[in-house]
Amino acid sequence: TQTTWGLSRDDAGGFLPEYKAKDIVSGDPFVSLDQEGVGELIRIAAERGRAARPGLKLGICGEHGGDPASIDFCERVGLDYVSCS
């Protein structure tokens, strides 16, 4: 998320609440996975990684692992695990 959005989690706290208030973003991208942006990159990585190496195990860890919408997305794109550690 930080690399795709070009945002530091530390810096985003200073302006993200205002972005949310002005409907620039729908939620905190560090809490719930941005499925159209970051999610598309995850989908591409999973497809290409498994095309090159069938059986490749893929997953995510971090705050997104505790978000039901993010977990659902990861299941839909076929990730093997989600961890919130």
N, C-alpha and C. Protein backbone atom coordinates (compact mmCIF):
# COMPACT_ATOMS: atom_id res chain seq x y z
N THR A 1 0.83 -1.19 0.00
CA THR A 1 0.00 0.00 0.00
C THR A 1 0.87 1.25 0.00
N GLN A 2 1.89 1.28 0.86
CA GLN A 2 2.73 2.47 0.93
C GLN A 2 3.42 2.74 -0.39
N THR A 3 3.94 1.71 -1.04
CA THR A 3 4.66 1.89 -2.30
C THR A 3 3.70 2.24 -3.43
N THR A 4 2.58 1.55 -3.50
CA THR A 4 1.62 1.79 -4.59
C THR A 4 1.02 3.18 -4.51
N TRP A 5 0.66 3.59 -3.32
CA TRP A 5 0.05 4.91 -3.13
C TRP A 5 1.10 6.01 -3.03
N GLY A 6 2.35 5.65 -2.80
CA GLY A 6 3.39 6.65 -2.62
C GLY A 6 3.22 7.44 -1.33
N LEU A 7 2.69 6.77 -0.31
CA LEU A 7 2.43 7.41 0.97
C LEU A 7 3.13 6.66 2.09
N SER A 8 3.64 7.40 3.03
CA SER A 8 4.14 6.81 4.26
C SER A 8 2.98 6.74 5.24
N ARG A 9 2.84 5.61 5.89
CA ARG A 9 1.79 5.46 6.91
C ARG A 9 1.91 6.58 7.95
N ASP A 10 3.14 6.93 8.31
CA ASP A 10 3.36 7.98 9.30
C ASP A 10 2.90 9.34 8.80
N ASP A 11 3.19 9.66 7.55
CA ASP A 11 2.81 10.96 6.99
C ASP A 11 1.32 11.06 6.70
N ALA A 12 0.70 9.95 6.30
CA ALA A 12 -0.70 9.96 5.89
C ALA A 12 -1.64 10.39 7.01
N GLY A 13 -1.25 10.13 8.25
CA GLY A 13 -2.09 10.52 9.37
C GLY A 13 -2.37 12.00 9.43
N GLY A 14 -1.50 12.81 8.84
CA GLY A 14 -1.67 14.26 8.86
C GLY A 14 -2.71 14.77 7.88
N PHE A 15 -3.01 14.02 6.82
CA PHE A 15 -3.97 14.52 5.83
C PHE A 15 -5.06 13.52 5.46
N LEU A 16 -4.88 12.26 5.79
CA LEU A 16 -5.87 11.24 5.42
C LEU A 16 -7.26 11.50 6.00
N PRO A 17 -7.38 11.96 7.26
CA PRO A 17 -8.71 12.28 7.77
C PRO A 17 -9.44 13.33 6.92
N GLU A 18 -8.71 14.32 6.44
CA GLU A 18 -9.34 15.35 5.61
C GLU A 18 -9.73 14.78 4.25
N TYR A 19 -8.89 13.91 3.68
CA TYR A 19 -9.22 13.24 2.42
C TYR A 19 -10.49 12.41 2.57
N LYS A 20 -10.62 11.74 3.71
CA LYS A 20 -11.82 10.95 3.95
C LYS A 20 -13.04 11.86 4.09
N ALA A 21 -12.89 12.97 4.80
CA ALA A 21 -13.99 13.91 5.00
C ALA A 21 -14.46 14.51 3.68
N LYS A 22 -13.54 14.70 2.73
CA LYS A 22 -13.88 15.28 1.43
C LYS A 22 -14.18 14.21 0.37
N ASP A 23 -14.30 12.95 0.81
CA ASP A 23 -14.60 11.81 -0.09
C ASP A 23 -13.58 11.62 -1.20
N ILE A 24 -12.34 12.00 -0.93
CA ILE A 24 -11.25 11.74 -1.87
C ILE A 24 -10.87 10.26 -1.79
N VAL A 25 -10.89 9.72 -0.58
CA VAL A 25 -10.71 8.29 -0.34
C VAL A 25 -11.90 7.81 0.48
N SER A 26 -12.28 6.55 0.29
CA SER A 26 -13.45 6.04 1.01
C SER A 26 -13.10 5.54 2.40
N GLY A 27 -11.84 5.22 2.62
CA GLY A 27 -11.43 4.71 3.93
C GLY A 27 -9.92 4.76 4.03
N ASP A 28 -9.42 4.25 5.11
CA ASP A 28 -7.98 4.24 5.33
C ASP A 28 -7.36 3.08 4.57
N PRO A 29 -6.53 3.35 3.56
CA PRO A 29 -5.95 2.27 2.76
C PRO A 29 -4.95 1.41 3.53
N PHE A 30 -4.58 1.85 4.72
CA PHE A 30 -3.69 1.05 5.55
C PHE A 30 -4.48 0.09 6.44
N VAL A 31 -5.79 0.25 6.47
CA VAL A 31 -6.66 -0.64 7.25
C VAL A 31 -7.39 -1.61 6.34
N SER A 32 -7.98 -1.09 5.27
CA SER A 32 -8.72 -1.92 4.31
C SER A 32 -8.06 -1.82 2.94
N LEU A 33 -7.75 -2.95 2.37
CA LEU A 33 -7.03 -3.03 1.11
C LEU A 33 -7.73 -2.27 -0.01
N ASP A 34 -7.00 -1.44 -0.71
CA ASP A 34 -7.50 -0.76 -1.91
C ASP A 34 -7.59 -1.81 -3.01
N GLN A 35 -8.76 -2.36 -3.21
CA GLN A 35 -8.91 -3.49 -4.12
C GLN A 35 -8.73 -3.13 -5.59
N GLU A 36 -9.02 -1.91 -5.96
CA GLU A 36 -8.87 -1.51 -7.38
C GLU A 36 -7.43 -1.21 -7.74
N GLY A 37 -6.65 -0.69 -6.83
CA GLY A 37 -5.26 -0.33 -7.11
C GLY A 37 -4.30 -1.39 -6.63
N VAL A 38 -4.08 -1.44 -5.32
CA VAL A 38 -3.19 -2.43 -4.73
C VAL A 38 -3.69 -3.84 -5.03
N GLY A 39 -4.99 -4.01 -4.94
CA GLY A 39 -5.57 -5.33 -5.21
C GLY A 39 -5.30 -5.82 -6.62
N GLU A 40 -5.35 -4.93 -7.58
CA GLU A 40 -5.05 -5.33 -8.97
C GLU A 40 -3.60 -5.79 -9.08
N LEU A 41 -2.71 -5.12 -8.40
CA LEU A 41 -1.30 -5.55 -8.41
C LEU A 41 -1.13 -6.92 -7.75
N ILE A 42 -1.88 -7.16 -6.68
CA ILE A 42 -1.84 -8.48 -6.03
C ILE A 42 -2.36 -9.54 -6.99
N ARG A 43 -3.46 -9.24 -7.66
CA ARG A 43 -4.05 -10.18 -8.62
C ARG A 43 -3.05 -10.51 -9.74
N ILE A 44 -2.42 -9.50 -10.29
CA ILE A 44 -1.43 -9.70 -11.37
C ILE A 44 -0.27 -10.53 -10.86
N ALA A 45 0.24 -10.20 -9.68
CA ALA A 45 1.38 -10.94 -9.12
C ALA A 45 1.03 -12.40 -8.89
N ALA A 46 -0.17 -12.67 -8.39
CA ALA A 46 -0.60 -14.05 -8.14
C ALA A 46 -0.71 -14.81 -9.46
N GLU A 47 -1.33 -14.21 -10.45
CA GLU A 47 -1.50 -14.88 -11.74
C GLU A 47 -0.16 -15.16 -12.41
N ARG A 48 0.69 -14.17 -12.47
CA ARG A 48 1.98 -14.33 -13.14
C ARG A 48 2.93 -15.23 -12.34
N GLY A 49 2.90 -15.09 -11.03
CA GLY A 49 3.76 -15.92 -10.19
C GLY A 49 3.41 -17.39 -10.33
N ARG A 50 2.13 -17.69 -10.30
CA ARG A 50 1.71 -19.09 -10.42
C ARG A 50 1.84 -19.63 -11.83
N ALA A 51 1.78 -18.74 -12.81
CA ALA A 51 2.01 -19.18 -14.19
C ALA A 51 3.47 -19.61 -14.36
N ALA A 52 4.36 -18.90 -13.70
CA ALA A 52 5.79 -19.22 -13.78
C ALA A 52 6.17 -20.37 -12.85
N ARG A 53 5.46 -20.49 -11.73
CA ARG A 53 5.79 -21.52 -10.75
C ARG A 53 4.51 -22.08 -10.14
N PRO A 54 3.91 -23.06 -10.80
CA PRO A 54 2.68 -23.66 -10.26
C PRO A 54 2.89 -24.15 -8.83
N GLY A 55 1.89 -23.97 -8.02
CA GLY A 55 1.99 -24.38 -6.63
C GLY A 55 2.61 -23.35 -5.71
N LEU A 56 2.99 -22.21 -6.26
CA LEU A 56 3.57 -21.13 -5.46
C LEU A 56 2.60 -20.72 -4.35
N LYS A 57 3.09 -20.67 -3.12
CA LYS A 57 2.28 -20.25 -1.98
C LYS A 57 2.37 -18.74 -1.82
N LEU A 58 1.22 -18.09 -1.73
CA LEU A 58 1.17 -16.63 -1.63
C LEU A 58 0.25 -16.21 -0.50
N GLY A 59 0.59 -15.11 0.15
CA GLY A 59 -0.26 -14.58 1.19
C GLY A 59 0.15 -13.17 1.58
N ILE A 60 -0.58 -12.61 2.50
CA ILE A 60 -0.27 -11.28 3.01
C ILE A 60 -0.25 -11.32 4.53
N CYS A 61 0.45 -10.37 5.12
CA CYS A 61 0.40 -10.21 6.57
C CYS A 61 0.38 -8.73 6.89
N GLY A 62 -0.14 -8.41 8.03
CA GLY A 62 -0.23 -7.02 8.46
C GLY A 62 -1.66 -6.64 8.79
N GLU A 63 -1.90 -5.35 8.90
CA GLU A 63 -3.22 -4.85 9.30
C GLU A 63 -4.34 -5.34 8.39
N HIS A 64 -4.07 -5.48 7.11
CA HIS A 64 -5.11 -5.94 6.19
C HIS A 64 -5.62 -7.32 6.55
N GLY A 65 -4.79 -8.09 7.23
CA GLY A 65 -5.19 -9.43 7.64
C GLY A 65 -6.28 -9.45 8.69
N GLY A 66 -6.56 -8.32 9.29
CA GLY A 66 -7.63 -8.22 10.27
C GLY A 66 -8.89 -7.57 9.73
N ASP A 67 -8.90 -7.24 8.46
CA ASP A 67 -10.03 -6.55 7.85
C ASP A 67 -10.87 -7.54 7.04
N PRO A 68 -12.15 -7.73 7.38
CA PRO A 68 -12.98 -8.70 6.67
C PRO A 68 -13.05 -8.50 5.15
N ALA A 69 -13.13 -7.26 4.70
CA ALA A 69 -13.20 -7.01 3.25
C ALA A 69 -11.88 -7.40 2.57
N SER A 70 -10.77 -7.13 3.23
CA SER A 70 -9.46 -7.49 2.67
C SER A 70 -9.29 -9.01 2.65
N ILE A 71 -9.74 -9.67 3.71
CA ILE A 71 -9.66 -11.13 3.76
C ILE A 71 -10.49 -11.73 2.63
N ASP A 72 -11.68 -11.22 2.43
CA ASP A 72 -12.54 -11.70 1.35
C ASP A 72 -11.87 -11.53 -0.02
N PHE A 73 -11.27 -10.37 -0.22
CA PHE A 73 -10.57 -10.13 -1.50
C PHE A 73 -9.45 -11.16 -1.69
N CYS A 74 -8.65 -11.37 -0.66
CA CYS A 74 -7.53 -12.30 -0.76
C CYS A 74 -8.01 -13.71 -1.08
N GLU A 75 -9.13 -14.09 -0.52
CA GLU A 75 -9.70 -15.40 -0.82
C GLU A 75 -10.14 -15.47 -2.28
N ARG A 76 -10.78 -14.40 -2.75
CA ARG A 76 -11.26 -14.38 -4.14
C ARG A 76 -10.13 -14.44 -5.16
N VAL A 77 -8.96 -13.86 -4.85
CA VAL A 77 -7.85 -13.91 -5.80
C VAL A 77 -6.97 -15.14 -5.59
N GLY A 78 -7.35 -15.98 -4.61
CA GLY A 78 -6.68 -17.25 -4.44
C GLY A 78 -5.41 -17.25 -3.61
N LEU A 79 -5.25 -16.26 -2.73
CA LEU A 79 -4.07 -16.30 -1.86
C LEU A 79 -4.23 -17.47 -0.88
N ASP A 80 -3.11 -18.02 -0.46
CA ASP A 80 -3.11 -19.19 0.40
C ASP A 80 -3.28 -18.86 1.88
N TYR A 81 -2.86 -17.68 2.29
CA TYR A 81 -2.99 -17.33 3.71
C TYR A 81 -3.08 -15.82 3.87
N VAL A 82 -3.68 -15.44 5.00
CA VAL A 82 -3.76 -14.05 5.43
C VAL A 82 -3.41 -14.05 6.91
N SER A 83 -2.50 -13.21 7.30
CA SER A 83 -2.07 -13.12 8.70
C SER A 83 -2.16 -11.68 9.16
N CYS A 84 -2.57 -11.48 10.38
CA CYS A 84 -2.63 -10.11 10.91
C CYS A 84 -1.50 -9.84 11.87
N SER A 85 -0.45 -10.63 11.80
CA SER A 85 0.69 -10.43 12.72
C SER A 85 1.63 -9.36 12.21
